Amino acid sequence: PHVAHAARLIRTHALAGATIKELAAQVPVSRSALFRRFKEHL
């Protein structure tokens, strides 16, 4: 669910100039864990 949440945030806010750091802060896991899970699933 955290990867799905992050991917949804990216699709919603990417065109507005949002950065990965800003978006990752809205996902309730550590940045390193999110990046690892993101790579694993997608």
Full PDB file with SEQRES, HELIX, SHEET, SSBOND, CRYST1, ORIGX, SCALE, CONECT and MASTER records, all heavy atoms in Angstrom:
SEQRES   1 A   42  PRO HIS VAL ALA HIS ALA ALA ARG LEU ILE ARG THR HIS          
SEQRES   2 A   42  ALA LEU ALA GLY ALA THR ILE LYS GLU LEU ALA ALA GLN          
SEQRES   3 A   42  VAL PRO VAL SER ARG SER ALA LEU PHE ARG ARG PHE LYS          
SEQRES   4 A   42  GLU HIS LEU                                                  
HELIX    1 AA1 HIS A    2  HIS A   13  1                                  12    
HELIX    2 AA2 ALA A   14  ALA A   16  5                                   3    
HELIX    3 AA3 ILE A   20  ALA A   24  1                                   5    
HELIX    4 AA4 ARG A   31  HIS A   41  1                                  11    
CRYST1    1.000    1.000    1.000  90.00  90.00  90.00 P 1           1          
ORIGX1      1.000000  0.000000  0.000000        0.00000                         
ORIGX2      0.000000  1.000000  0.000000        0.00000                         
ORIGX3      0.000000  0.000000  1.000000        0.00000                         
SCALE1      1.000000  0.000000  0.000000        0.00000                         
SCALE2      0.000000  1.000000  0.000000        0.00000                         
SCALE3      0.000000  0.000000  1.000000        0.00000                         
ATOM      1  N   PRO A   1       0.814  -1.229   0.000  1.00  0.00           N  
ATOM      2  CA  PRO A   1       0.000   0.000   0.000  1.00  0.00           C  
ATOM      3  C   PRO A   1       0.844   1.274   0.000  1.00  0.00           C  
ATOM      4  O   PRO A   1       0.420   2.294  -0.526  1.00  0.00           O  
ATOM      5  CB  PRO A   1      -0.823  -0.123   1.284  1.00  0.00           C  
ATOM      6  CG  PRO A   1      -0.043  -1.065   2.153  1.00  0.00           C  
ATOM      7  CD  PRO A   1       0.621  -2.014   1.221  1.00  0.00           C  
ATOM      8  N   HIS A   2       2.047   1.231   0.585  1.00  0.00           N  
ATOM      9  CA  HIS A   2       2.891   2.425   0.614  1.00  0.00           C  
ATOM     10  C   HIS A   2       3.444   2.738  -0.770  1.00  0.00           C  
ATOM     11  O   HIS A   2       3.528   3.912  -1.173  1.00  0.00           O  
ATOM     12  CB  HIS A   2       4.019   2.232   1.621  1.00  0.00           C  
ATOM     13  CG  HIS A   2       3.557   2.032   3.027  1.00  0.00           C  
ATOM     14  ND1 HIS A   2       2.668   2.898   3.642  1.00  0.00           N  
ATOM     15  CD2 HIS A   2       3.835   1.062   3.939  1.00  0.00           C  
ATOM     16  CE1 HIS A   2       2.426   2.474   4.879  1.00  0.00           C  
ATOM     17  NE2 HIS A   2       3.119   1.371   5.080  1.00  0.00           N  
ATOM     18  N   VAL A   3       3.807   1.691  -1.524  1.00  0.00           N  
ATOM     19  CA  VAL A   3       4.276   1.892  -2.891  1.00  0.00           C  
ATOM     20  C   VAL A   3       3.144   2.428  -3.753  1.00  0.00           C  
ATOM     21  O   VAL A   3       3.335   3.349  -4.560  1.00  0.00           O  
ATOM     22  CB  VAL A   3       4.843   0.587  -3.476  1.00  0.00           C  
ATOM     23  CG1 VAL A   3       5.190   0.762  -4.957  1.00  0.00           C  
ATOM     24  CG2 VAL A   3       6.078   0.148  -2.702  1.00  0.00           C  
ATOM     25  N   ALA A   4       1.951   1.842  -3.605  1.00  0.00           N  
ATOM     26  CA  ALA A   4       0.799   2.311  -4.378  1.00  0.00           C  
ATOM     27  C   ALA A   4       0.489   3.771  -4.056  1.00  0.00           C  
ATOM     28  O   ALA A   4       0.178   4.568  -4.953  1.00  0.00           O  
ATOM     29  CB  ALA A   4      -0.410   1.434  -4.081  1.00  0.00           C  
ATOM     30  N   HIS A   5       0.594   4.135  -2.755  1.00  0.00           N  
ATOM     31  CA  HIS A   5       0.345   5.519  -2.343  1.00  0.00           C  
ATOM     32  C   HIS A   5       1.375   6.449  -2.969  1.00  0.00           C  
ATOM     33  O   HIS A   5       1.035   7.516  -3.501  1.00  0.00           O  
ATOM     34  CB  HIS A   5       0.400   5.601  -0.813  1.00  0.00           C  
ATOM     35  CG  HIS A   5       0.098   6.966  -0.276  1.00  0.00           C  
ATOM     36  ND1 HIS A   5       0.507   7.385   0.973  1.00  0.00           N  
ATOM     37  CD2 HIS A   5      -0.561   8.013  -0.825  1.00  0.00           C  
ATOM     38  CE1 HIS A   5       0.112   8.628   1.168  1.00  0.00           C  
ATOM     39  NE2 HIS A   5      -0.543   9.029   0.095  1.00  0.00           N  
ATOM     40  N   ALA A   6       2.639   6.051  -2.938  1.00  0.00           N  
ATOM     41  CA  ALA A   6       3.698   6.885  -3.506  1.00  0.00           C  
ATOM     42  C   ALA A   6       3.518   7.063  -5.010  1.00  0.00           C  
ATOM     43  O   ALA A   6       3.684   8.165  -5.542  1.00  0.00           O  
ATOM     44  CB  ALA A   6       5.062   6.265  -3.204  1.00  0.00           C  
ATOM     45  N   ALA A   7       3.180   5.979  -5.706  1.00  0.00           N  
ATOM     46  CA  ALA A   7       2.978   6.058  -7.160  1.00  0.00           C  
ATOM     47  C   ALA A   7       1.816   6.973  -7.489  1.00  0.00           C  
ATOM     48  O   ALA A   7       1.856   7.736  -8.464  1.00  0.00           O  
ATOM     49  CB  ALA A   7       2.749   4.664  -7.723  1.00  0.00           C  
ATOM     50  N   ARG A   8       0.758   6.924  -6.676  1.00  0.00           N  
ATOM     51  CA  ARG A   8      -0.399   7.773  -6.907  1.00  0.00           C  
ATOM     52  C   ARG A   8      -0.042   9.254  -6.677  1.00  0.00           C  
ATOM     53  O   ARG A   8      -0.470  10.132  -7.426  1.00  0.00           O  
ATOM     54  CB  ARG A   8      -1.544   7.343  -5.986  1.00  0.00           C  
ATOM     55  CG  ARG A   8      -2.898   7.927  -6.349  1.00  0.00           C  
ATOM     56  CD  ARG A   8      -4.008   7.338  -5.500  1.00  0.00           C  
ATOM     57  NE  ARG A   8      -4.127   5.905  -5.687  1.00  0.00           N  
ATOM     58  CZ  ARG A   8      -3.868   4.990  -4.749  1.00  0.00           C  
ATOM     59  NH1 ARG A   8      -3.474   5.365  -3.541  1.00  0.00           N  
ATOM     60  NH2 ARG A   8      -4.006   3.710  -5.008  1.00  0.00           N  
ATOM     61  N   LEU A   9       0.766   9.515  -5.651  1.00  0.00           N  
ATOM     62  CA  LEU A   9       1.215  10.885  -5.397  1.00  0.00           C  
ATOM     63  C   LEU A   9       2.046  11.413  -6.561  1.00  0.00           C  
ATOM     64  O   LEU A   9       1.907  12.574  -6.969  1.00  0.00           O  
ATOM     65  CB  LEU A   9       2.040  10.929  -4.107  1.00  0.00           C  
ATOM     66  CG  LEU A   9       1.274  10.801  -2.788  1.00  0.00           C  
ATOM     67  CD1 LEU A   9       2.252  10.639  -1.628  1.00  0.00           C  
ATOM     68  CD2 LEU A   9       0.384  12.019  -2.561  1.00  0.00           C  
ATOM     69  N   ILE A  10       2.909  10.559  -7.102  1.00  0.00           N  
ATOM     70  CA  ILE A  10       3.743  10.974  -8.235  1.00  0.00           C  
ATOM     71  C   ILE A  10       2.876  11.327  -9.427  1.00  0.00           C  
ATOM     72  O   ILE A  10       3.060  12.367 -10.074  1.00  0.00           O  
ATOM     73  CB  ILE A  10       4.749   9.862  -8.587  1.00  0.00           C  
ATOM     74  CG1 ILE A  10       5.822   9.753  -7.496  1.00  0.00           C  
ATOM     75  CG2 ILE A  10       5.399  10.127  -9.948  1.00  0.00           C  
ATOM     76  CD1 ILE A  10       6.737   8.557  -7.648  1.00  0.00           C  
ATOM     77  N   ARG A  11       1.893  10.477  -9.758  1.00  0.00           N  
ATOM     78  CA  ARG A  11       1.034  10.750 -10.911  1.00  0.00           C  
ATOM     79  C   ARG A  11       0.217  12.023 -10.714  1.00  0.00           C  
ATOM     80  O   ARG A  11      -0.058  12.750 -11.659  1.00  0.00           O  
ATOM     81  CB  ARG A  11       0.095   9.565 -11.160  1.00  0.00           C  
ATOM     82  CG  ARG A  11       0.777   8.318 -11.662  1.00  0.00           C  
ATOM     83  CD  ARG A  11      -0.231   7.341 -12.237  1.00  0.00           C  
ATOM     84  NE  ARG A  11      -1.279   7.024 -11.299  1.00  0.00           N  
ATOM     85  CZ  ARG A  11      -1.199   6.077 -10.363  1.00  0.00           C  
ATOM     86  NH1 ARG A  11      -0.081   5.384 -10.227  1.00  0.00           N  
ATOM     87  NH2 ARG A  11      -2.206   5.842  -9.553  1.00  0.00           N  
ATOM     88  N   THR A  12      -0.159  12.289  -9.461  1.00  0.00           N  
ATOM     89  CA  THR A  12      -1.012  13.449  -9.181  1.00  0.00           C  
ATOM     90  C   THR A  12      -0.239  14.753  -9.181  1.00  0.00           C  
ATOM     91  O   THR A  12      -0.737  15.786  -9.646  1.00  0.00           O  
ATOM     92  CB  THR A  12      -1.715  13.263  -7.823  1.00  0.00           C  
ATOM     93  OG1 THR A  12      -2.464  12.039  -7.840  1.00  0.00           O  
ATOM     94  CG2 THR A  12      -2.662  14.424  -7.534  1.00  0.00           C  
ATOM     95  N   HIS A  13       1.009  14.729  -8.693  1.00  0.00           N  
ATOM     96  CA  HIS A  13       1.720  15.987  -8.448  1.00  0.00           C  
ATOM     97  C   HIS A  13       2.974  16.187  -9.301  1.00  0.00           C  
ATOM     98  O   HIS A  13       3.603  17.240  -9.205  1.00  0.00           O  
ATOM     99  CB  HIS A  13       2.113  16.056  -6.971  1.00  0.00           C  
ATOM    100  CG  HIS A  13       0.945  16.013  -6.037  1.00  0.00           C  
ATOM    101  ND1 HIS A  13       0.055  17.058  -5.904  1.00  0.00           N  
ATOM    102  CD2 HIS A  13       0.498  15.025  -5.205  1.00  0.00           C  
ATOM    103  CE1 HIS A  13      -0.884  16.729  -5.011  1.00  0.00           C  
ATOM    104  NE2 HIS A  13      -0.639  15.510  -4.578  1.00  0.00           N  
ATOM    105  N   ALA A  14       3.336  15.214 -10.121  1.00  0.00           N  
ATOM    106  CA  ALA A  14       4.582  15.319 -10.900  1.00  0.00           C  
ATOM    107  C   ALA A  14       4.591  16.547 -11.795  1.00  0.00           C  
ATOM    108  O   ALA A  14       5.606  17.236 -11.902  1.00  0.00           O  
ATOM    109  CB  ALA A  14       4.788  14.056 -11.732  1.00  0.00           C  
ATOM    110  N   LEU A  15       3.468  16.828 -12.445  1.00  0.00           N  
ATOM    111  CA  LEU A  15       3.435  17.919 -13.417  1.00  0.00           C  
ATOM    112  C   LEU A  15       3.443  19.295 -12.754  1.00  0.00           C  
ATOM    113  O   LEU A  15       3.666  20.305 -13.424  1.00  0.00           O  
ATOM    114  CB  LEU A  15       2.208  17.787 -14.321  1.00  0.00           C  
ATOM    115  CG  LEU A  15       2.056  16.450 -15.060  1.00  0.00           C  
ATOM    116  CD1 LEU A  15       0.876  16.506 -16.007  1.00  0.00           C  
ATOM    117  CD2 LEU A  15       3.332  16.083 -15.804  1.00  0.00           C  
ATOM    118  N   ALA A  16       3.192  19.323 -11.463  1.00  0.00           N  
ATOM    119  CA  ALA A  16       3.193  20.597 -10.738  1.00  0.00           C  
ATOM    120  C   ALA A  16       4.581  20.947 -10.222  1.00  0.00           C  
ATOM    121  O   ALA A  16       4.745  21.946  -9.519  1.00  0.00           O  
ATOM    122  CB  ALA A  16       2.209  20.538  -9.582  1.00  0.00           C  
ATOM    123  N   GLY A  17       5.578  20.117 -10.548  1.00  0.00           N  
ATOM    124  CA  GLY A  17       6.944  20.413 -10.136  1.00  0.00           C  
ATOM    125  C   GLY A  17       7.344  19.835  -8.803  1.00  0.00           C  
ATOM    126  O   GLY A  17       8.400  20.181  -8.261  1.00  0.00           O  
ATOM    127  N   ALA A  18       6.533  18.940  -8.247  1.00  0.00           N  
ATOM    128  CA  ALA A  18       6.857  18.339  -6.955  1.00  0.00           C  
ATOM    129  C   ALA A  18       8.137  17.510  -7.062  1.00  0.00           C  
ATOM    130  O   ALA A  18       8.429  16.916  -8.097  1.00  0.00           O  
ATOM    131  CB  ALA A  18       5.706  17.464  -6.477  1.00  0.00           C  
ATOM    132  N   THR A  19       8.897  17.473  -5.973  1.00  0.00           N  
ATOM    133  CA  THR A  19      10.116  16.679  -5.938  1.00  0.00           C  
ATOM    134  C   THR A  19       9.853  15.351  -5.236  1.00  0.00           C  
ATOM    135  O   THR A  19       8.887  15.212  -4.468  1.00  0.00           O  
ATOM    136  CB  THR A  19      11.238  17.419  -5.194  1.00  0.00           C  
ATOM    137  OG1 THR A  19      10.871  17.554  -3.808  1.00  0.00           O  
ATOM    138  CG2 THR A  19      11.464  18.802  -5.799  1.00  0.00           C  
ATOM    139  N   ILE A  20      10.744  14.394  -5.468  1.00  0.00           N  
ATOM    140  CA  ILE A  20      10.608  13.094  -4.812  1.00  0.00           C  
ATOM    141  C   ILE A  20      10.732  13.249  -3.293  1.00  0.00           C  
ATOM    142  O   ILE A  20      10.019  12.593  -2.530  1.00  0.00           O  
ATOM    143  CB  ILE A  20      11.666  12.108  -5.352  1.00  0.00           C  
ATOM    144  CG1 ILE A  20      11.328  11.711  -6.792  1.00  0.00           C  
ATOM    145  CG2 ILE A  20      11.747  10.857  -4.474  1.00  0.00           C  
ATOM    146  CD1 ILE A  20       9.998  11.004  -6.949  1.00  0.00           C  
ATOM    147  N   LYS A  21      11.606  14.144  -2.856  1.00  0.00           N  
ATOM    148  CA  LYS A  21      11.760  14.363  -1.412  1.00  0.00           C  
ATOM    149  C   LYS A  21      10.450  14.848  -0.799  1.00  0.00           C  
ATOM    150  O   LYS A  21      10.028  14.371   0.264  1.00  0.00           O  
ATOM    151  CB  LYS A  21      12.869  15.383  -1.169  1.00  0.00           C  
ATOM    152  CG  LYS A  21      13.152  15.650   0.307  1.00  0.00           C  
ATOM    153  CD  LYS A  21      14.294  16.647   0.469  1.00  0.00           C  
ATOM    154  CE  LYS A  21      14.573  16.912   1.942  1.00  0.00           C  
ATOM    155  NZ  LYS A  21      15.695  17.894   2.125  1.00  0.00           N  
ATOM    156  N   GLU A  22       9.769  15.766  -1.478  1.00  0.00           N  
ATOM    157  CA  GLU A  22       8.497  16.286  -0.970  1.00  0.00           C  
ATOM    158  C   GLU A  22       7.422  15.204  -0.937  1.00  0.00           C  
ATOM    159  O   GLU A  22       6.650  15.098   0.030  1.00  0.00           O  
ATOM    160  CB  GLU A  22       8.029  17.441  -1.850  1.00  0.00           C  
ATOM    161  CG  GLU A  22       8.912  18.689  -1.754  1.00  0.00           C  
ATOM    162  CD  GLU A  22       8.595  19.715  -2.822  1.00  0.00           C  
ATOM    163  OE1 GLU A  22       7.962  19.346  -3.846  1.00  0.00           O  
ATOM    164  OE2 GLU A  22       8.986  20.883  -2.651  1.00  0.00           O  
ATOM    165  N   LEU A  23       7.372  14.401  -1.977  1.00  0.00           N  
ATOM    166  CA  LEU A  23       6.345  13.366  -2.052  1.00  0.00           C  
ATOM    167  C   LEU A  23       6.626  12.226  -1.088  1.00  0.00           C  
ATOM    168  O   LEU A  23       5.706  11.690  -0.455  1.00  0.00           O  
ATOM    169  CB  LEU A  23       6.238  12.847  -3.485  1.00  0.00           C  
ATOM    170  CG  LEU A  23       5.832  13.890  -4.545  1.00  0.00           C  
ATOM    171  CD1 LEU A  23       5.806  13.267  -5.930  1.00  0.00           C  
ATOM    172  CD2 LEU A  23       4.473  14.483  -4.214  1.00  0.00           C  
ATOM    173  N   ALA A  24       7.894  11.836  -0.959  1.00  0.00           N  
ATOM    174  CA  ALA A  24       8.245  10.739  -0.058  1.00  0.00           C  
ATOM    175  C   ALA A  24       7.914  11.083   1.390  1.00  0.00           C  
ATOM    176  O   ALA A  24       7.594  10.194   2.194  1.00  0.00           O  
ATOM    177  CB  ALA A  24       9.724  10.402  -0.201  1.00  0.00           C  
ATOM    178  N   ALA A  25       7.961  12.361   1.718  1.00  0.00           N  
ATOM    179  CA  ALA A  25       7.652  12.783   3.082  1.00  0.00           C  
ATOM    180  C   ALA A  25       6.193  12.531   3.446  1.00  0.00           C  
ATOM    181  O   ALA A  25       5.837  12.495   4.634  1.00  0.00           O  
ATOM    182  CB  ALA A  25       7.982  14.261   3.247  1.00  0.00           C  
ATOM    183  N   GLN A  26       5.337  12.338   2.439  1.00  0.00           N  
ATOM    184  CA  GLN A  26       3.911  12.095   2.699  1.00  0.00           C  
ATOM    185  C   GLN A  26       3.583  10.611   2.854  1.00  0.00           C  
ATOM    186  O   GLN A  26       2.439  10.253   3.103  1.00  0.00           O  
ATOM    187  CB  GLN A  26       3.085  12.681   1.553  1.00  0.00           C  
ATOM    188  CG  GLN A  26       3.274  14.176   1.351  1.00  0.00           C  
ATOM    189  CD  GLN A  26       2.419  14.707   0.225  1.00  0.00           C  
ATOM    190  OE1 GLN A  26       1.221  14.432   0.140  1.00  0.00           O  
ATOM    191  NE2 GLN A  26       3.033  15.485  -0.663  1.00  0.00           N  
ATOM    192  N   VAL A  27       4.582   9.733   2.704  1.00  0.00           N  
ATOM    193  CA  VAL A  27       4.375   8.293   2.837  1.00  0.00           C  
ATOM    194  C   VAL A  27       4.930   7.843   4.182  1.00  0.00           C  
ATOM    195  O   VAL A  27       6.090   8.130   4.489  1.00  0.00           O  
ATOM    196  CB  VAL A  27       5.067   7.529   1.688  1.00  0.00           C  
ATOM    197  CG1 VAL A  27       4.775   6.039   1.781  1.00  0.00           C  
ATOM    198  CG2 VAL A  27       4.592   8.073   0.340  1.00  0.00           C  
ATOM    199  N   PRO A  28       4.139   7.134   5.001  1.00  0.00           N  
ATOM    200  CA  PRO A  28       4.542   6.821   6.384  1.00  0.00           C  
ATOM    201  C   PRO A  28       5.528   5.657   6.521  1.00  0.00           C  
ATOM    202  O   PRO A  28       5.326   4.741   7.318  1.00  0.00           O  
ATOM    203  CB  PRO A  28       3.201   6.504   7.049  1.00  0.00           C  
ATOM    204  CG  PRO A  28       2.362   5.942   5.963  1.00  0.00           C  
ATOM    205  CD  PRO A  28       2.753   6.724   4.729  1.00  0.00           C  
ATOM    206  N   VAL A  29       6.595   5.660   5.712  1.00  0.00           N  
ATOM    207  CA  VAL A  29       7.720   4.735   5.898  1.00  0.00           C  
ATOM    208  C   VAL A  29       8.992   5.531   5.627  1.00  0.00           C  
ATOM    209  O   VAL A  29       8.944   6.621   5.058  1.00  0.00           O  
ATOM    210  CB  VAL A  29       7.655   3.516   4.949  1.00  0.00           C  
ATOM    211  CG1 VAL A  29       6.475   2.620   5.277  1.00  0.00           C  
ATOM    212  CG2 VAL A  29       7.606   3.961   3.496  1.00  0.00           C  
ATOM    213  N   SER A  30      10.120   4.984   6.028  1.00  0.00           N  
ATOM    214  CA  SER A  30      11.373   5.688   5.796  1.00  0.00           C  
ATOM    215  C   SER A  30      11.636   5.798   4.300  1.00  0.00           C  
ATOM    216  O   SER A  30      11.170   4.993   3.501  1.00  0.00           O  
ATOM    217  CB  SER A  30      12.523   4.952   6.471  1.00  0.00           C  
ATOM    218  OG  SER A  30      12.807   3.738   5.796  1.00  0.00           O  
ATOM    219  N   ARG A  31      12.414   6.816   3.933  1.00  0.00           N  
ATOM    220  CA  ARG A  31      12.702   7.037   2.518  1.00  0.00           C  
ATOM    221  C   ARG A  31      13.445   5.854   1.907  1.00  0.00           C  
ATOM    222  O   ARG A  31      13.144   5.433   0.790  1.00  0.00           O  
ATOM    223  CB  ARG A  31      13.525   8.317   2.370  1.00  0.00           C  
ATOM    224  CG  ARG A  31      13.741   8.745   0.927  1.00  0.00           C  
ATOM    225  CD  ARG A  31      14.434  10.085   0.852  1.00  0.00           C  
ATOM    226  NE  ARG A  31      14.719  10.451  -0.513  1.00  0.00           N  
ATOM    227  CZ  ARG A  31      15.359  11.553  -0.873  1.00  0.00           C  
ATOM    228  NH1 ARG A  31      15.773  12.397   0.065  1.00  0.00           N  
ATOM    229  NH2 ARG A  31      15.583  11.820  -2.143  1.00  0.00           N  
ATOM    230  N   SER A  32      14.413   5.306   2.653  1.00  0.00           N  
ATOM    231  CA  SER A  32      15.180   4.171   2.123  1.00  0.00           C  
ATOM    232  C   SER A  32      14.296   2.946   1.936  1.00  0.00           C  
ATOM    233  O   SER A  32      14.419   2.225   0.943  1.00  0.00           O  
ATOM    234  CB  SER A  32      16.341   3.848   3.056  1.00  0.00           C  
ATOM    235  OG  SER A  32      15.870   3.506   4.358  1.00  0.00           O  
ATOM    236  N   ALA A  33      13.372   2.715   2.883  1.00  0.00           N  
ATOM    237  CA  ALA A  33      12.467   1.565   2.762  1.00  0.00           C  
ATOM    238  C   ALA A  33      11.527   1.752   1.580  1.00  0.00           C  
ATOM    239  O   ALA A  33      11.243   0.809   0.827  1.00  0.00           O  
ATOM    240  CB  ALA A  33      11.671   1.390   4.048  1.00  0.00           C  
ATOM    241  N   LEU A  34      11.036   2.980   1.394  1.00  0.00           N  
ATOM    242  CA  LEU A  34      10.139   3.255   0.269  1.00  0.00           C  
ATOM    243  C   LEU A  34      10.849   3.019  -1.053  1.00  0.00           C  
ATOM    244  O   LEU A  34      10.293   2.390  -1.958  1.00  0.00           O  
ATOM    245  CB  LEU A  34       9.628   4.691   0.349  1.00  0.00           C  
ATOM    246  CG  LEU A  34       8.774   5.158  -0.838  1.00  0.00           C  
ATOM    247  CD1 LEU A  34       7.498   4.325  -0.934  1.00  0.00           C  
ATOM    248  CD2 LEU A  34       8.436   6.641  -0.706  1.00  0.00           C  
ATOM    249  N   PHE A  35      12.083   3.508  -1.187  1.00  0.00           N  
ATOM    250  CA  PHE A  35      12.816   3.354  -2.431  1.00  0.00           C  
ATOM    251  C   PHE A  35      13.073   1.871  -2.714  1.00  0.00           C  
ATOM    252  O   PHE A  35      12.976   1.425  -3.861  1.00  0.00           O  
ATOM    253  CB  PHE A  35      14.136   4.127  -2.368  1.00  0.00           C  
ATOM    254  CG  PHE A  35      13.990   5.603  -2.634  1.00  0.00           C  
ATOM    255  CD1 PHE A  35      12.911   6.324  -2.128  1.00  0.00           C  
ATOM    256  CD2 PHE A  35      14.927   6.285  -3.390  1.00  0.00           C  
ATOM    257  CE1 PHE A  35      12.771   7.673  -2.361  1.00  0.00           C  
ATOM    258  CE2 PHE A  35      14.797   7.640  -3.646  1.00  0.00           C  
ATOM    259  CZ  PHE A  35      13.718   8.340  -3.124  1.00  0.00           C  
ATOM    260  N   ARG A  36      13.419   1.125  -1.665  1.00  0.00           N  
ATOM    261  CA  ARG A  36      13.678  -0.309  -1.849  1.00  0.00           C  
ATOM    262  C   ARG A  36      12.412  -1.039  -2.287  1.00  0.00           C  
ATOM    263  O   ARG A  36      12.433  -1.849  -3.220  1.00  0.00           O  
ATOM    264  CB  ARG A  36      14.213  -0.903  -0.539  1.00  0.00           C  
ATOM    265  CG  ARG A  36      14.621  -2.380  -0.668  1.00  0.00           C  
ATOM    266  CD  ARG A  36      15.095  -2.946   0.646  1.00  0.00           C  
ATOM    267  NE  ARG A  36      14.038  -3.039   1.644  1.00  0.00           N  
ATOM    268  CZ  ARG A  36      13.922  -2.245   2.695  1.00  0.00           C  
ATOM    269  NH1 ARG A  36      14.783  -1.263   2.899  1.00  0.00           N  
ATOM    270  NH2 ARG A  36      12.926  -2.411   3.552  1.00  0.00           N  
ATOM    271  N   ARG A  37      11.296  -0.738  -1.631  1.00  0.00           N  
ATOM    272  CA  ARG A  37      10.035  -1.398  -1.984  1.00  0.00           C  
ATOM    273  C   ARG A  37       9.562  -0.987  -3.377  1.00  0.00           C  
ATOM    274  O   ARG A  37       9.026  -1.794  -4.120  1.00  0.00           O  
ATOM    275  CB  ARG A  37       8.965  -1.040  -0.944  1.00  0.00           C  
ATOM    276  CG  ARG A  37       9.207  -1.580   0.448  1.00  0.00           C  
ATOM    277  CD  ARG A  37       8.034  -1.205   1.352  1.00  0.00           C  
ATOM    278  NE  ARG A  37       8.270  -1.536   2.732  1.00  0.00           N  
ATOM    279  CZ  ARG A  37       7.367  -1.360   3.700  1.00  0.00           C  
ATOM    280  NH1 ARG A  37       6.178  -0.832   3.409  1.00  0.00           N  
ATOM    281  NH2 ARG A  37       7.643  -1.692   4.945  1.00  0.00           N  
ATOM    282  N   PHE A  38       9.740   0.279  -3.711  1.00  0.00           N  
ATOM    283  CA  PHE A  38       9.330   0.786  -5.026  1.00  0.00           C  
ATOM    284  C   PHE A  38      10.062   0.021  -6.128  1.00  0.00           C  
ATOM    285  O   PHE A  38       9.465  -0.438  -7.103  1.00  0.00           O  
ATOM    286  CB  PHE A  38       9.646   2.281  -5.111  1.00  0.00           C  
ATOM    287  CG  PHE A  38       8.754   3.054  -6.045  1.00  0.00           C  
ATOM    288  CD1 PHE A  38       7.670   3.765  -5.569  1.00  0.00           C  
ATOM    289  CD2 PHE A  38       9.009   3.076  -7.406  1.00  0.00           C  
ATOM    290  CE1 PHE A  38       6.845   4.482  -6.422  1.00  0.00           C  
ATOM    291  CE2 PHE A  38       8.198   3.788  -8.276  1.00  0.00           C  
ATOM    292  CZ  PHE A  38       7.111   4.494  -7.779  1.00  0.00           C  
ATOM    293  N   LYS A  39      11.376  -0.113  -5.944  1.00  0.00           N  
ATOM    294  CA  LYS A  39      12.189  -0.826  -6.930  1.00  0.00           C  
ATOM    295  C   LYS A  39      11.775  -2.283  -7.009  1.00  0.00           C  
ATOM    296  O   LYS A  39      11.682  -2.880  -8.101  1.00  0.00           O  
ATOM    297  CB  LYS A  39      13.664  -0.718  -6.535  1.00  0.00           C  
ATOM    298  CG  LYS A  39      14.635  -1.320  -7.520  1.00  0.00           C  
ATOM    299  CD  LYS A  39      14.953  -0.359  -8.638  1.00  0.00           C  
ATOM    300  CE  LYS A  39      16.073  -0.874  -9.515  1.00  0.00           C  
ATOM    301  NZ  LYS A  39      16.384   0.043 -10.631  1.00  0.00           N  
ATOM    302  N   GLU A  40      11.470  -2.881  -5.887  1.00  0.00           N  
ATOM    303  CA  GLU A  40      11.081  -4.296  -5.840  1.00  0.00           C  
ATOM    304  C   GLU A  40       9.767  -4.538  -6.567  1.00  0.00           C  
ATOM    305  O   GLU A  40       9.621  -5.520  -7.307  1.00  0.00           O  
ATOM    306  CB  GLU A  40      10.970  -4.732  -4.380  1.00  0.00           C  
ATOM    307  CG  GLU A  40      10.492  -6.162  -4.179  1.00  0.00           C  
ATOM    308  CD  GLU A  40      10.294  -6.504  -2.714  1.00  0.00           C  
ATOM    309  OE1 GLU A  40      10.902  -5.815  -1.855  1.00  0.00           O  
ATOM    310  OE2 GLU A  40       9.523  -7.437  -2.429  1.00  0.00           O  
ATOM    311  N   HIS A  41       8.793  -3.660  -6.390  1.00  0.00           N  
ATOM    312  CA  HIS A  41       7.461  -3.882  -6.944  1.00  0.00           C  
ATOM    313  C   HIS A  41       7.301  -3.364  -8.373  1.00  0.00           C  
ATOM    314  O   HIS A  41       6.583  -3.972  -9.177  1.00  0.00           O  
ATOM    315  CB  HIS A  41       6.403  -3.236  -6.054  1.00  0.00           C  
ATOM    316  CG  HIS A  41       6.142  -3.979  -4.788  1.00  0.00           C  
ATOM    317  ND1 HIS A  41       5.277  -5.049  -4.720  1.00  0.00           N  
ATOM    318  CD2 HIS A  41       6.650  -3.824  -3.534  1.00  0.00           C  
ATOM    319  CE1 HIS A  41       5.243  -5.519  -3.478  1.00  0.00           C  
ATOM    320  NE2 HIS A  41       6.060  -4.788  -2.732  1.00  0.00           N  
ATOM    321  N   LEU A  42       7.934  -2.243  -8.701  1.00  0.00           N  
ATOM    322  CA  LEU A  42       7.730  -1.636 -10.017  1.00  0.00           C  
ATOM    323  C   LEU A  42       8.942  -1.722 -10.931  1.00  0.00           C  
ATOM    324  O   LEU A  42       8.855  -1.385 -12.113  1.00  0.00           O  
ATOM    325  CB  LEU A  42       7.315  -0.174  -9.856  1.00  0.00           C  
ATOM    326  CG  LEU A  42       5.937   0.056  -9.213  1.00  0.00           C  
ATOM    327  CD1 LEU A  42       5.646   1.542  -9.082  1.00  0.00           C  
ATOM    328  CD2 LEU A  42       4.841  -0.628 -10.008  1.00  0.00           C  
TER     329      LEU A  42                                                      
MASTER        0    0    0    4    0    0    0    6  328    1    0    4          
END                                                                             
